[in-house]
PDB file of all heavy atoms in Angstrom:
ATOM      1  N   LEU A   1     -73.342 108.519 -74.571  1.00  0.00           N
ATOM      2  CA  LEU A   1     -74.343 107.983 -73.661  1.00  0.00           C
ATOM      3  C   LEU A   1     -75.651 108.735 -73.863  1.00  0.00           C
ATOM      4  O   LEU A   1     -75.677 109.967 -73.856  1.00  0.00           O
ATOM      5  CB  LEU A   1     -73.858 108.146 -72.212  1.00  0.00           C
ATOM      6  CG  LEU A   1     -74.756 107.635 -71.092  1.00  0.00           C
ATOM      7  CD1 LEU A   1     -74.955 106.129 -71.204  1.00  0.00           C
ATOM      8  CD2 LEU A   1     -74.145 107.983 -69.733  1.00  0.00           C
ATOM      9  N   VAL A   2     -76.739 107.995 -74.036  1.00  0.00           N
ATOM     10  CA  VAL A   2     -78.074 108.580 -74.191  1.00  0.00           C
ATOM     11  C   VAL A   2     -78.978 108.008 -73.108  1.00  0.00           C
ATOM     12  O   VAL A   2     -79.137 106.784 -73.006  1.00  0.00           O
ATOM     13  CB  VAL A   2     -78.672 108.280 -75.574  1.00  0.00           C
ATOM     14  CG1 VAL A   2     -80.064 108.901 -75.702  1.00  0.00           C
ATOM     15  CG2 VAL A   2     -77.759 108.793 -76.684  1.00  0.00           C
ATOM     16  N   LEU A   3     -79.558 108.885 -72.297  1.00  0.00           N
ATOM     17  CA  LEU A   3     -80.528 108.479 -71.283  1.00  0.00           C
ATOM     18  C   LEU A   3     -81.873 109.072 -71.650  1.00  0.00           C
ATOM     19  O   LEU A   3     -82.002 110.289 -71.785  1.00  0.00           O
ATOM     20  CB  LEU A   3     -80.120 108.973 -69.894  1.00  0.00           C
ATOM     21  CG  LEU A   3     -78.735 108.572 -69.377  1.00  0.00           C
ATOM     22  CD1 LEU A   3     -78.524 109.121 -67.968  1.00  0.00           C
ATOM     23  CD2 LEU A   3     -78.544 107.065 -69.396  1.00  0.00           C
ATOM     24  N   GLU A   4     -82.885 108.227 -71.822  1.00  0.00           N
ATOM     25  CA  GLU A   4     -84.220 108.699 -72.150  1.00  0.00           C
ATOM     26  C   GLU A   4     -85.195 108.304 -71.045  1.00  0.00           C
ATOM     27  O   GLU A   4     -85.293 107.135 -70.673  1.00  0.00           O
ATOM     28  CB  GLU A   4     -84.691 108.127 -73.486  1.00  0.00           C
ATOM     29  CG  GLU A   4     -86.065 108.640 -73.902  1.00  0.00           C
ATOM     30  CD  GLU A   4     -86.482 108.234 -75.301  1.00  0.00           C
ATOM     31  OE1 GLU A   4     -85.707 107.521 -75.969  1.00  0.00           O
ATOM     32  OE2 GLU A   4     -87.588 108.632 -75.731  1.00  0.00           O
ATOM     33  N   LYS A   5     -85.884 109.312 -70.515  1.00  0.00           N
ATOM     34  CA  LYS A   5     -86.873 109.104 -69.456  1.00  0.00           C
ATOM     35  C   LYS A   5     -86.268 108.341 -68.274  1.00  0.00           C
ATOM     36  O   LYS A   5     -86.864 107.408 -67.734  1.00  0.00           O
ATOM     37  CB  LYS A   5     -88.103 108.379 -70.009  1.00  0.00           C
ATOM     38  CG  LYS A   5     -88.856 109.180 -71.063  1.00  0.00           C
ATOM     39  CD  LYS A   5     -90.092 108.457 -71.556  1.00  0.00           C
ATOM     40  CE  LYS A   5     -90.835 109.305 -72.591  1.00  0.00           C
ATOM     41  NZ  LYS A   5     -92.037 108.604 -73.120  1.00  0.00           N
ATOM     42  N   CYS A   6     -85.079 108.752 -67.894  1.00  0.00           N
ATOM     43  CA  CYS A   6     -84.397 108.174 -66.738  1.00  0.00           C
ATOM     44  C   CYS A   6     -84.317 109.221 -65.630  1.00  0.00           C
ATOM     45  O   CYS A   6     -84.483 110.417 -65.876  1.00  0.00           O
ATOM     46  CB  CYS A   6     -82.989 107.716 -67.105  1.00  0.00           C
ATOM     47  SG  CYS A   6     -82.929 106.386 -68.335  1.00  0.00           S
ATOM     48  N   SER A   7     -84.039 108.780 -64.408  1.00  0.00           N
ATOM     49  CA  SER A   7     -83.883 109.723 -63.306  1.00  0.00           C
ATOM     50  C   SER A   7     -82.973 109.157 -62.227  1.00  0.00           C
ATOM     51  O   SER A   7     -82.830 107.937 -62.098  1.00  0.00           O
ATOM     52  CB  SER A   7     -85.251 110.078 -62.704  1.00  0.00           C
ATOM     53  OG  SER A   7     -85.847 108.956 -62.088  1.00  0.00           O
ATOM     54  N   TRP A   8     -82.377 110.075 -61.484  1.00  0.00           N
ATOM     55  CA  TRP A   8     -81.482 109.740 -60.375  1.00  0.00           C
ATOM     56  C   TRP A   8     -80.382 108.789 -60.833  1.00  0.00           C
ATOM     57  O   TRP A   8     -80.209 107.685 -60.322  1.00  0.00           O
ATOM     58  CB  TRP A   8     -82.254 109.167 -59.187  1.00  0.00           C
ATOM     59  CG  TRP A   8     -83.242 110.135 -58.612  1.00  0.00           C
ATOM     60  CD1 TRP A   8     -84.608 110.052 -58.664  1.00  0.00           C
ATOM     61  CD2 TRP A   8     -82.941 111.356 -57.925  1.00  0.00           C
ATOM     62  NE1 TRP A   8     -85.177 111.136 -58.047  1.00  0.00           N
ATOM     63  CE2 TRP A   8     -84.180 111.957 -57.575  1.00  0.00           C
ATOM     64  CE3 TRP A   8     -81.764 112.015 -57.548  1.00  0.00           C
ATOM     65  CZ2 TRP A   8     -84.267 113.175 -56.891  1.00  0.00           C
ATOM     66  CZ3 TRP A   8     -81.846 113.218 -56.868  1.00  0.00           C
ATOM     67  CH2 TRP A   8     -83.071 113.784 -56.547  1.00  0.00           C
ATOM     68  N   ILE A   9     -79.632 109.286 -61.828  1.00  0.00           N
ATOM     69  CA  ILE A   9     -78.470 108.572 -62.367  1.00  0.00           C
ATOM     70  C   ILE A   9     -77.239 109.451 -62.140  1.00  0.00           C
ATOM     71  O   ILE A   9     -77.284 110.657 -62.389  1.00  0.00           O
ATOM     72  CB  ILE A   9     -78.620 108.287 -63.875  1.00  0.00           C
ATOM     73  CG1 ILE A   9     -79.963 107.618 -64.191  1.00  0.00           C
ATOM     74  CG2 ILE A   9     -77.443 107.474 -64.390  1.00  0.00           C
ATOM     75  CD1 ILE A   9     -80.091 106.200 -63.756  1.00  0.00           C
ATOM     76  N   THR A  10     -76.150 108.858 -61.689  1.00  0.00           N
ATOM     77  CA  THR A  10     -74.889 109.570 -61.499  1.00  0.00           C
ATOM     78  C   THR A  10     -73.832 108.993 -62.425  1.00  0.00           C
ATOM     79  O   THR A  10     -73.659 107.766 -62.490  1.00  0.00           O
ATOM     80  CB  THR A  10     -74.415 109.475 -60.040  1.00  0.00           C
ATOM     81  OG1 THR A  10     -75.359 110.125 -59.187  1.00  0.00           O
ATOM     82  CG2 THR A  10     -73.051 110.135 -59.861  1.00  0.00           C
ATOM     83  N   ILE A  11     -73.122 109.870 -63.133  1.00  0.00           N
ATOM     84  CA  ILE A  11     -72.060 109.472 -64.062  1.00  0.00           C
ATOM     85  C   ILE A  11     -70.792 110.182 -63.616  1.00  0.00           C
ATOM     86  O   ILE A  11     -70.767 111.418 -63.527  1.00  0.00           O
ATOM     87  CB  ILE A  11     -72.416 109.880 -65.504  1.00  0.00           C
ATOM     88  CG1 ILE A  11     -73.770 109.276 -65.906  1.00  0.00           C
ATOM     89  CG2 ILE A  11     -71.325 109.466 -66.476  1.00  0.00           C
ATOM     90  CD1 ILE A  11     -74.475 110.051 -66.990  1.00  0.00           C
ATOM     91  N   GLU A  12     -69.726 109.431 -63.338  1.00  0.00           N
ATOM     92  CA  GLU A  12     -68.540 110.108 -62.817  1.00  0.00           C
ATOM     93  C   GLU A  12     -67.251 109.372 -63.191  1.00  0.00           C
ATOM     94  O   GLU A  12     -67.239 108.165 -63.432  1.00  0.00           O
ATOM     95  CB  GLU A  12     -68.635 110.261 -61.297  1.00  0.00           C
ATOM     96  CG  GLU A  12     -68.841 109.005 -60.512  1.00  0.00           C
ATOM     97  CD  GLU A  12     -69.140 109.261 -59.045  1.00  0.00           C
ATOM     98  OE1 GLU A  12     -69.497 110.408 -58.693  1.00  0.00           O
ATOM     99  OE2 GLU A  12     -69.036 108.317 -58.240  1.00  0.00           O
ATOM    100  N   ASN A  13     -66.181 110.181 -63.266  1.00  0.00           N
ATOM    101  CA  ASN A  13     -64.823 109.661 -63.483  1.00  0.00           C
ATOM    102  C   ASN A  13     -64.703 108.870 -64.781  1.00  0.00           C
ATOM    103  O   ASN A  13     -64.117 107.777 -64.810  1.00  0.00           O
ATOM    104  CB  ASN A  13     -64.387 108.776 -62.303  1.00  0.00           C
ATOM    105  CG  ASN A  13     -64.222 109.537 -61.012  1.00  0.00           C
ATOM    106  OD1 ASN A  13     -64.608 110.695 -60.919  1.00  0.00           O
ATOM    107  ND2 ASN A  13     -63.654 108.901 -60.007  1.00  0.00           N
ATOM    108  N   ILE A  14     -65.243 109.423 -65.864  1.00  0.00           N
ATOM    109  CA  ILE A  14     -65.177 108.756 -67.170  1.00  0.00           C
ATOM    110  C   ILE A  14     -64.639 109.748 -68.197  1.00  0.00           C
ATOM    111  O   ILE A  14     -64.965 110.936 -68.156  1.00  0.00           O
ATOM    112  CB  ILE A  14     -66.560 108.236 -67.604  1.00  0.00           C
ATOM    113  CG1 ILE A  14     -67.067 107.167 -66.622  1.00  0.00           C
ATOM    114  CG2 ILE A  14     -66.517 107.662 -69.022  1.00  0.00           C
ATOM    115  CD1 ILE A  14     -68.483 106.721 -66.891  1.00  0.00           C
ATOM    116  N   ILE A  15     -63.826 109.272 -69.111  1.00  0.00           N
ATOM    117  CA  ILE A  15     -63.326 110.069 -70.233  1.00  0.00           C
ATOM    118  C   ILE A  15     -64.201 109.768 -71.459  1.00  0.00           C
ATOM    119  O   ILE A  15     -64.452 108.603 -71.779  1.00  0.00           O
ATOM    120  CB  ILE A  15     -61.857 109.746 -70.542  1.00  0.00           C
ATOM    121  CG1 ILE A  15     -60.962 110.127 -69.359  1.00  0.00           C
ATOM    122  CG2 ILE A  15     -61.398 110.461 -71.817  1.00  0.00           C
ATOM    123  CD1 ILE A  15     -59.531 109.636 -69.501  1.00  0.00           C
ATOM    124  N   PHE A  16     -64.655 110.814 -72.124  1.00  0.00           N
ATOM    125  CA  PHE A  16     -65.460 110.664 -73.342  1.00  0.00           C
ATOM    126  C   PHE A  16     -64.668 111.224 -74.526  1.00  0.00           C
ATOM    127  O   PHE A  16     -64.201 112.370 -74.488  1.00  0.00           O
ATOM    128  CB  PHE A  16     -66.780 111.411 -73.216  1.00  0.00           C
ATOM    129  CG  PHE A  16     -67.752 110.799 -72.237  1.00  0.00           C
ATOM    130  CD1 PHE A  16     -67.689 111.117 -70.891  1.00  0.00           C
ATOM    131  CD2 PHE A  16     -68.724 109.903 -72.671  1.00  0.00           C
ATOM    132  CE1 PHE A  16     -68.595 110.567 -69.986  1.00  0.00           C
ATOM    133  CE2 PHE A  16     -69.624 109.341 -71.776  1.00  0.00           C
ATOM    134  CZ  PHE A  16     -69.558 109.668 -70.430  1.00  0.00           C
ATOM    135  N   ARG A  17     -64.554 110.441 -75.586  1.00  0.00           N
ATOM    136  CA  ARG A  17     -63.821 110.853 -76.786  1.00  0.00           C
ATOM    137  C   ARG A  17     -64.645 110.589 -78.039  1.00  0.00           C
ATOM    138  O   ARG A  17     -65.423 109.634 -78.093  1.00  0.00           O
ATOM    139  CB  ARG A  17     -62.497 110.093 -76.900  1.00  0.00           C
ATOM    140  CG  ARG A  17     -61.478 110.419 -75.821  1.00  0.00           C
ATOM    141  CD  ARG A  17     -60.222 109.607 -76.009  1.00  0.00           C
ATOM    142  NE  ARG A  17     -59.225 109.915 -74.999  1.00  0.00           N
ATOM    143  CZ  ARG A  17     -58.143 109.183 -74.771  1.00  0.00           C
ATOM    144  NH1 ARG A  17     -57.919 108.094 -75.510  1.00  0.00           N
ATOM    145  NH2 ARG A  17     -57.285 109.520 -73.825  1.00  0.00           N
ATOM    146  N   ARG A  18     -64.431 111.426 -79.044  1.00  0.00           N
ATOM    147  CA  ARG A  18     -65.003 111.255 -80.390  1.00  0.00           C
ATOM    148  C   ARG A  18     -66.501 110.974 -80.362  1.00  0.00           C
ATOM    149  O   ARG A  18     -67.000 110.087 -81.047  1.00  0.00           O
ATOM    150  CB  ARG A  18     -64.250 110.153 -81.144  1.00  0.00           C
ATOM    151  CG  ARG A  18     -62.803 110.498 -81.412  1.00  0.00           C
ATOM    152  CD  ARG A  18     -62.151 109.540 -82.379  1.00  0.00           C
ATOM    153  NE  ARG A  18     -61.987 108.209 -81.823  1.00  0.00           N
ATOM    154  CZ  ARG A  18     -61.445 107.178 -82.490  1.00  0.00           C
ATOM    155  NH1 ARG A  18     -61.035 107.341 -83.741  1.00  0.00           N
ATOM    156  NH2 ARG A  18     -61.321 105.997 -81.911  1.00  0.00           N
ATOM    157  N   CYS A  19     -67.208 111.768 -79.560  1.00  0.00           N
ATOM    158  CA  CYS A  19     -68.670 111.679 -79.472  1.00  0.00           C
ATOM    159  C   CYS A  19     -69.269 112.906 -80.149  1.00  0.00           C
ATOM    160  O   CYS A  19     -68.961 114.031 -79.765  1.00  0.00           O
ATOM    161  CB  CYS A  19     -69.121 111.617 -78.016  1.00  0.00           C
ATOM    162  SG  CYS A  19     -68.400 110.272 -77.051  1.00  0.00           S
ATOM    163  N   TRP A  20     -70.132 112.698 -81.145  1.00  0.00           N
ATOM    164  CA  TRP A  20     -70.706 113.804 -81.912  1.00  0.00           C
ATOM    165  C   TRP A  20     -72.144 113.496 -82.308  1.00  0.00           C
ATOM    166  O   TRP A  20     -72.455 112.355 -82.584  1.00  0.00           O
ATOM    167  CB  TRP A  20     -69.881 114.054 -83.180  1.00  0.00           C
ATOM    168  CG  TRP A  20     -68.495 114.494 -82.896  1.00  0.00           C
ATOM    169  CD1 TRP A  20     -67.378 113.709 -82.817  1.00  0.00           C
ATOM    170  CD2 TRP A  20     -68.057 115.828 -82.640  1.00  0.00           C
ATOM    171  NE1 TRP A  20     -66.280 114.462 -82.535  1.00  0.00           N
ATOM    172  CE2 TRP A  20     -66.662 115.771 -82.417  1.00  0.00           C
ATOM    173  CE3 TRP A  20     -68.705 117.068 -82.578  1.00  0.00           C
ATOM    174  CZ2 TRP A  20     -65.913 116.909 -82.141  1.00  0.00           C
ATOM    175  CZ3 TRP A  20     -67.960 118.189 -82.310  1.00  0.00           C
ATOM    176  CH2 TRP A  20     -66.576 118.107 -82.090  1.00  0.00           C
ATOM    177  N   PRO A  21     -72.974 114.539 -82.430  1.00  0.00           N
ATOM    178  CA  PRO A  21     -72.717 115.934 -82.058  1.00  0.00           C
ATOM    179  C   PRO A  21     -72.875 116.182 -80.563  1.00  0.00           C
ATOM    180  O   PRO A  21     -72.423 117.202 -80.069  1.00  0.00           O
ATOM    181  CB  PRO A  21     -73.777 116.710 -82.850  1.00  0.00           C
ATOM    182  CG  PRO A  21     -74.917 115.740 -82.934  1.00  0.00           C
ATOM    183  CD  PRO A  21     -74.293 114.375 -83.071  1.00  0.00           C
ATOM    184  N   SER A  22     -73.526 115.240 -79.844  1.00  0.00           N
ATOM    185  CA  SER A  22     -73.646 115.355 -78.397  1.00  0.00           C
ATOM    186  C   SER A  22     -72.785 114.284 -77.742  1.00  0.00           C
ATOM    187  O   SER A  22     -72.423 113.286 -78.373  1.00  0.00           O
ATOM    188  CB  SER A  22     -75.103 115.181 -77.964  1.00  0.00           C
ATOM    189  OG  SER A  22     -75.952 116.051 -78.679  1.00  0.00           O
ATOM    190  N   VAL A  23     -72.471 114.489 -76.478  1.00  0.00           N
ATOM    191  CA  VAL A  23     -71.700 113.487 -75.744  1.00  0.00           C
ATOM    192  C   VAL A  23     -72.619 112.730 -74.788  1.00  0.00           C
ATOM    193  O   VAL A  23     -72.790 111.527 -74.898  1.00  0.00           O
ATOM    194  CB  VAL A  23     -70.530 114.130 -74.981  1.00  0.00           C
ATOM    195  CG1 VAL A  23     -69.727 113.052 -74.248  1.00  0.00           C
ATOM    196  CG2 VAL A  23     -69.627 114.901 -75.931  1.00  0.00           C
ATOM    197  N   VAL A  24     -73.241 113.454 -73.861  1.00  0.00           N
ATOM    198  CA  VAL A  24     -74.232 112.867 -72.961  1.00  0.00           C
ATOM    199  C   VAL A  24     -75.571 113.525 -73.283  1.00  0.00           C
ATOM    200  O   VAL A  24     -75.785 114.693 -72.987  1.00  0.00           O
ATOM    201  CB  VAL A  24     -73.864 113.082 -71.484  1.00  0.00           C
ATOM    202  CG1 VAL A  24     -74.919 112.452 -70.577  1.00  0.00           C
ATOM    203  CG2 VAL A  24     -72.490 112.495 -71.182  1.00  0.00           C
ATOM    204  N   HIS A  25     -76.465 112.775 -73.903  1.00  0.00           N
ATOM    205  CA  HIS A  25     -77.760 113.301 -74.336  1.00  0.00           C
ATOM    206  C   HIS A  25     -78.820 112.829 -73.348  1.00  0.00           C
ATOM    207  O   HIS A  25     -79.023 111.622 -73.172  1.00  0.00           O
ATOM    208  CB  HIS A  25     -78.079 112.809 -75.749  1.00  0.00           C
ATOM    209  CG  HIS A  25     -79.259 113.474 -76.369  1.00  0.00           C
ATOM    210  ND1 HIS A  25     -79.697 113.188 -77.646  1.00  0.00           N
ATOM    211  CD2 HIS A  25     -80.119 114.428 -75.901  1.00  0.00           C
ATOM    212  CE1 HIS A  25     -80.753 113.923 -77.930  1.00  0.00           C
ATOM    213  NE2 HIS A  25     -81.035 114.680 -76.876  1.00  0.00           N
ATOM    214  N   LEU A  26     -79.501 113.774 -72.723  1.00  0.00           N
ATOM    215  CA  LEU A  26     -80.476 113.470 -71.684  1.00  0.00           C
ATOM    216  C   LEU A  26     -81.863 113.851 -72.197  1.00  0.00           C
ATOM    217  O   LEU A  26     -82.257 115.019 -72.157  1.00  0.00           O
ATOM    218  CB  LEU A  26     -80.138 114.240 -70.404  1.00  0.00           C
ATOM    219  CG  LEU A  26     -78.700 114.026 -69.896  1.00  0.00           C
ATOM    220  CD1 LEU A  26     -78.407 114.956 -68.736  1.00  0.00           C
ATOM    221  CD2 LEU A  26     -78.477 112.573 -69.505  1.00  0.00           C
ATOM    222  N   ILE A  27     -82.599 112.871 -72.696  1.00  0.00           N
ATOM    223  CA  ILE A  27     -83.908 113.103 -73.295  1.00  0.00           C
ATOM    224  C   ILE A  27     -84.975 112.927 -72.220  1.00  0.00           C
ATOM    225  O   ILE A  27     -85.201 111.823 -71.717  1.00  0.00           O
ATOM    226  CB  ILE A  27     -84.162 112.123 -74.452  1.00  0.00           C
ATOM    227  CG1 ILE A  27     -83.032 112.194 -75.490  1.00  0.00           C
ATOM    228  CG2 ILE A  27     -85.502 112.399 -75.106  1.00  0.00           C
ATOM    229  CD1 ILE A  27     -83.080 111.084 -76.521  1.00  0.00           C
ATOM    230  N   ASN A  28     -85.596 114.026 -71.839  1.00  0.00           N
ATOM    231  CA  ASN A  28     -86.640 113.983 -70.802  1.00  0.00           C
ATOM    232  C   ASN A  28     -86.187 113.200 -69.569  1.00  0.00           C
ATOM    233  O   ASN A  28     -86.955 112.447 -68.962  1.00  0.00           O
ATOM    234  CB  ASN A  28     -87.931 113.394 -71.366  1.00  0.00           C
ATOM    235  CG  ASN A  28     -88.640 114.370 -72.289  1.00  0.00           C
ATOM    236  OD1 ASN A  28     -88.784 115.548 -71.980  1.00  0.00           O
ATOM    237  ND2 ASN A  28     -89.074 113.884 -73.445  1.00  0.00           N
ATOM    238  N   SER A  29     -84.923 113.376 -69.212  1.00  0.00           N
ATOM    239  CA  SER A  29     -84.370 112.732 -68.024  1.00  0.00           C
ATOM    240  C   SER A  29     -84.087 113.782 -66.959  1.00  0.00           C
ATOM    241  O   SER A  29     -83.786 114.940 -67.267  1.00  0.00           O
ATOM    242  CB  SER A  29     -83.095 111.967 -68.369  1.00  0.00           C
ATOM    243  OG  SER A  29     -83.393 110.855 -69.194  1.00  0.00           O
ATOM    244  N   SER A  30     -84.176 113.381 -65.703  1.00  0.00           N
ATOM    245  CA  SER A  30     -84.071 114.344 -64.609  1.00  0.00           C
ATOM    246  C   SER A  30     -83.183 113.814 -63.490  1.00  0.00           C
ATOM    247  O   SER A  30     -82.977 112.606 -63.364  1.00  0.00           O
ATOM    248  CB  SER A  30     -85.467 114.662 -64.062  1.00  0.00           C
ATOM    249  OG  SER A  30     -86.090 113.480 -63.589  1.00  0.00           O
ATOM    250  N   TYR A  31     -82.687 114.759 -62.702  1.00  0.00           N
ATOM    251  CA  TYR A  31     -81.838 114.425 -61.556  1.00  0.00           C
ATOM    252  C   TYR A  31     -80.659 113.543 -61.981  1.00  0.00           C
ATOM    253  O   TYR A  31     -80.397 112.497 -61.386  1.00  0.00           O
ATOM    254  CB  TYR A  31     -82.658 113.770 -60.441  1.00  0.00           C
ATOM    255  CG  TYR A  31     -83.807 114.634 -59.985  1.00  0.00           C
ATOM    256  CD1 TYR A  31     -85.120 114.300 -60.313  1.00  0.00           C
ATOM    257  CD2 TYR A  31     -83.573 115.807 -59.263  1.00  0.00           C
ATOM    258  CE1 TYR A  31     -86.182 115.112 -59.924  1.00  0.00           C
ATOM    259  CE2 TYR A  31     -84.624 116.631 -58.870  1.00  0.00           C
ATOM    260  CZ  TYR A  31     -85.925 116.268 -59.203  1.00  0.00           C
ATOM    261  OH  TYR A  31     -86.967 117.080 -58.825  1.00  0.00           O
ATOM    262  N   VAL A  32     -79.980 114.008 -63.013  1.00  0.00           N
ATOM    263  CA  VAL A  32     -78.787 113.327 -63.513  1.00  0.00           C
ATOM    264  C   VAL A  32     -77.570 114.155 -63.110  1.00  0.00           C
ATOM    265  O   VAL A  32     -77.515 115.352 -63.370  1.00  0.00           O
ATOM    266  CB  VAL A  32     -78.831 113.150 -65.044  1.00  0.00           C
ATOM    267  CG1 VAL A  32     -77.545 112.497 -65.540  1.00  0.00           C
ATOM    268  CG2 VAL A  32     -80.048 112.331 -65.446  1.00  0.00           C
ATOM    269  N   SER A  33     -76.596 113.512 -62.466  1.00  0.00           N
ATOM    270  CA  SER A  33     -75.369 114.181 -62.035  1.00  0.00           C
ATOM    271  C   SER A  33     -74.197 113.666 -62.851  1.00  0.00           C
ATOM    272  O   SER A  33     -74.012 112.453 -62.981  1.00  0.00           O
ATOM    273  CB  SER A  33     -75.112 113.919 -60.546  1.00  0.00           C
ATOM    274  OG  SER A  33     -76.148 114.457 -59.746  1.00  0.00           O
ATOM    275  N   ILE A  34     -73.412 114.596 -63.393  1.00  0.00           N
ATOM    276  CA  ILE A  34     -72.226 114.251 -64.187  1.00  0.00           C
ATOM    277  C   ILE A  34     -71.045 114.909 -63.504  1.00  0.00           C
ATOM    278  O   ILE A  34     -70.927 116.134 -63.477  1.00  0.00           O
ATOM    279  CB  ILE A  34     -72.382 114.734 -65.637  1.00  0.00           C
ATOM    280  CG1 ILE A  34     -73.629 114.091 -66.252  1.00  0.00           C
ATOM    281  CG2 ILE A  34     -71.145 114.419 -66.454  1.00  0.00           C
ATOM    282  CD1 ILE A  34     -74.110 114.750 -67.513  1.00  0.00           C
ATOM    283  N   ARG A  35     -70.175 114.095 -62.936  1.00  0.00           N
ATOM    284  CA  ARG A  35     -69.102 114.615 -62.090  1.00  0.00           C
ATOM    285  C   ARG A  35     -67.741 114.080 -62.535  1.00  0.00           C
ATOM    286  O   ARG A  35     -67.604 112.914 -62.881  1.00  0.00           O
ATOM    287  CB  ARG A  35     -69.317 114.194 -60.631  1.00  0.00           C
ATOM    288  CG  ARG A  35     -70.575 114.734 -59.963  1.00  0.00           C
ATOM    289  CD  ARG A  35     -70.517 114.435 -58.475  1.00  0.00           C
ATOM    290  NE  ARG A  35     -71.646 115.005 -57.758  1.00  0.00           N
ATOM    291  CZ  ARG A  35     -72.687 114.296 -57.319  1.00  0.00           C
ATOM    292  NH1 ARG A  35     -72.731 112.992 -57.539  1.00  0.00           N
ATOM    293  NH2 ARG A  35     -73.670 114.874 -56.662  1.00  0.00           N
ATOM    294  N   GLN A  36     -66.763 114.969 -62.513  1.00  0.00           N
ATOM    295  CA  GLN A  36     -65.363 114.605 -62.712  1.00  0.00           C
ATOM    296  C   GLN A  36     -65.132 113.799 -63.989  1.00  0.00           C
ATOM    297  O   GLN A  36     -64.286 112.909 -64.035  1.00  0.00           O
ATOM    298  CB  GLN A  36     -64.840 113.839 -61.484  1.00  0.00           C
ATOM    299  CG  GLN A  36     -64.827 114.680 -60.234  1.00  0.00           C
ATOM    300  CD  GLN A  36     -64.466 113.909 -58.987  1.00  0.00           C
ATOM    301  OE1 GLN A  36     -64.721 114.371 -57.879  1.00  0.00           O
ATOM    302  NE2 GLN A  36     -63.866 112.741 -59.114  1.00  0.00           N
ATOM    303  N   CYS A  37     -65.894 114.119 -65.021  1.00  0.00           N
ATOM    304  CA  CYS A  37     -65.681 113.501 -66.325  1.00  0.00           C
ATOM    305  C   CYS A  37     -64.807 114.405 -67.187  1.00  0.00           C
ATOM    306  O   CYS A  37     -64.773 115.624 -66.991  1.00  0.00           O
ATOM    307  CB  CYS A  37     -67.020 113.236 -67.012  1.00  0.00           C
ATOM    308  SG  CYS A  37     -67.992 111.934 -66.216  1.00  0.00           S
ATOM    309  N   HIS A  38     -64.117 113.803 -68.162  1.00  0.00           N
ATOM    310  CA  HIS A  38     -63.244 114.538 -69.065  1.00  0.00           C
ATOM    311  C   HIS A  38     -63.797 114.415 -70.487  1.00  0.00           C
ATOM    312  O   HIS A  38     -64.159 113.313 -70.922  1.00  0.00           O
ATOM    313  CB  HIS A  38     -61.825 113.973 -69.019  1.00  0.00           C
ATOM    314  CG  HIS A  38     -61.137 114.158 -67.705  1.00  0.00           C
ATOM    315  ND1 HIS A  38     -59.785 113.942 -67.527  1.00  0.00           N
ATOM    316  CD2 HIS A  38     -61.601 114.558 -66.484  1.00  0.00           C
ATOM    317  CE1 HIS A  38     -59.449 114.185 -66.278  1.00  0.00           C
ATOM    318  NE2 HIS A  38     -60.539 114.549 -65.624  1.00  0.00           N
ATOM    319  N   PHE A  39     -63.835 115.554 -71.190  1.00  0.00           N
ATOM    320  CA  PHE A  39     -64.408 115.579 -72.538  1.00  0.00           C
ATOM    321  C   PHE A  39     -63.428 116.242 -73.499  1.00  0.00           C
ATOM    322  O   PHE A  39     -62.838 117.275 -73.185  1.00  0.00           O
ATOM    323  CB  PHE A  39     -65.714 116.376 -72.544  1.00  0.00           C
ATOM    324  CG  PHE A  39     -66.755 115.885 -71.578  1.00  0.00           C
ATOM    325  CD1 PHE A  39     -66.908 116.495 -70.343  1.00  0.00           C
ATOM    326  CD2 PHE A  39     -67.592 114.829 -71.897  1.00  0.00           C
ATOM    327  CE1 PHE A  39     -67.881 116.068 -69.447  1.00  0.00           C
ATOM    328  CE2 PHE A  39     -68.560 114.382 -71.014  1.00  0.00           C
ATOM    329  CZ  PHE A  39     -68.713 115.004 -69.781  1.00  0.00           C
TER     330      PHE A  39
END
């Protein structure tokens, strides 16, 4: 998942697999919450 110039986004209860080199890439994004995810 890539978020660019986003804000006030919540990501939760998701399993992420085989993501390289980053999993959740936040480009100039703010107030992003990542909760209860499995990597």
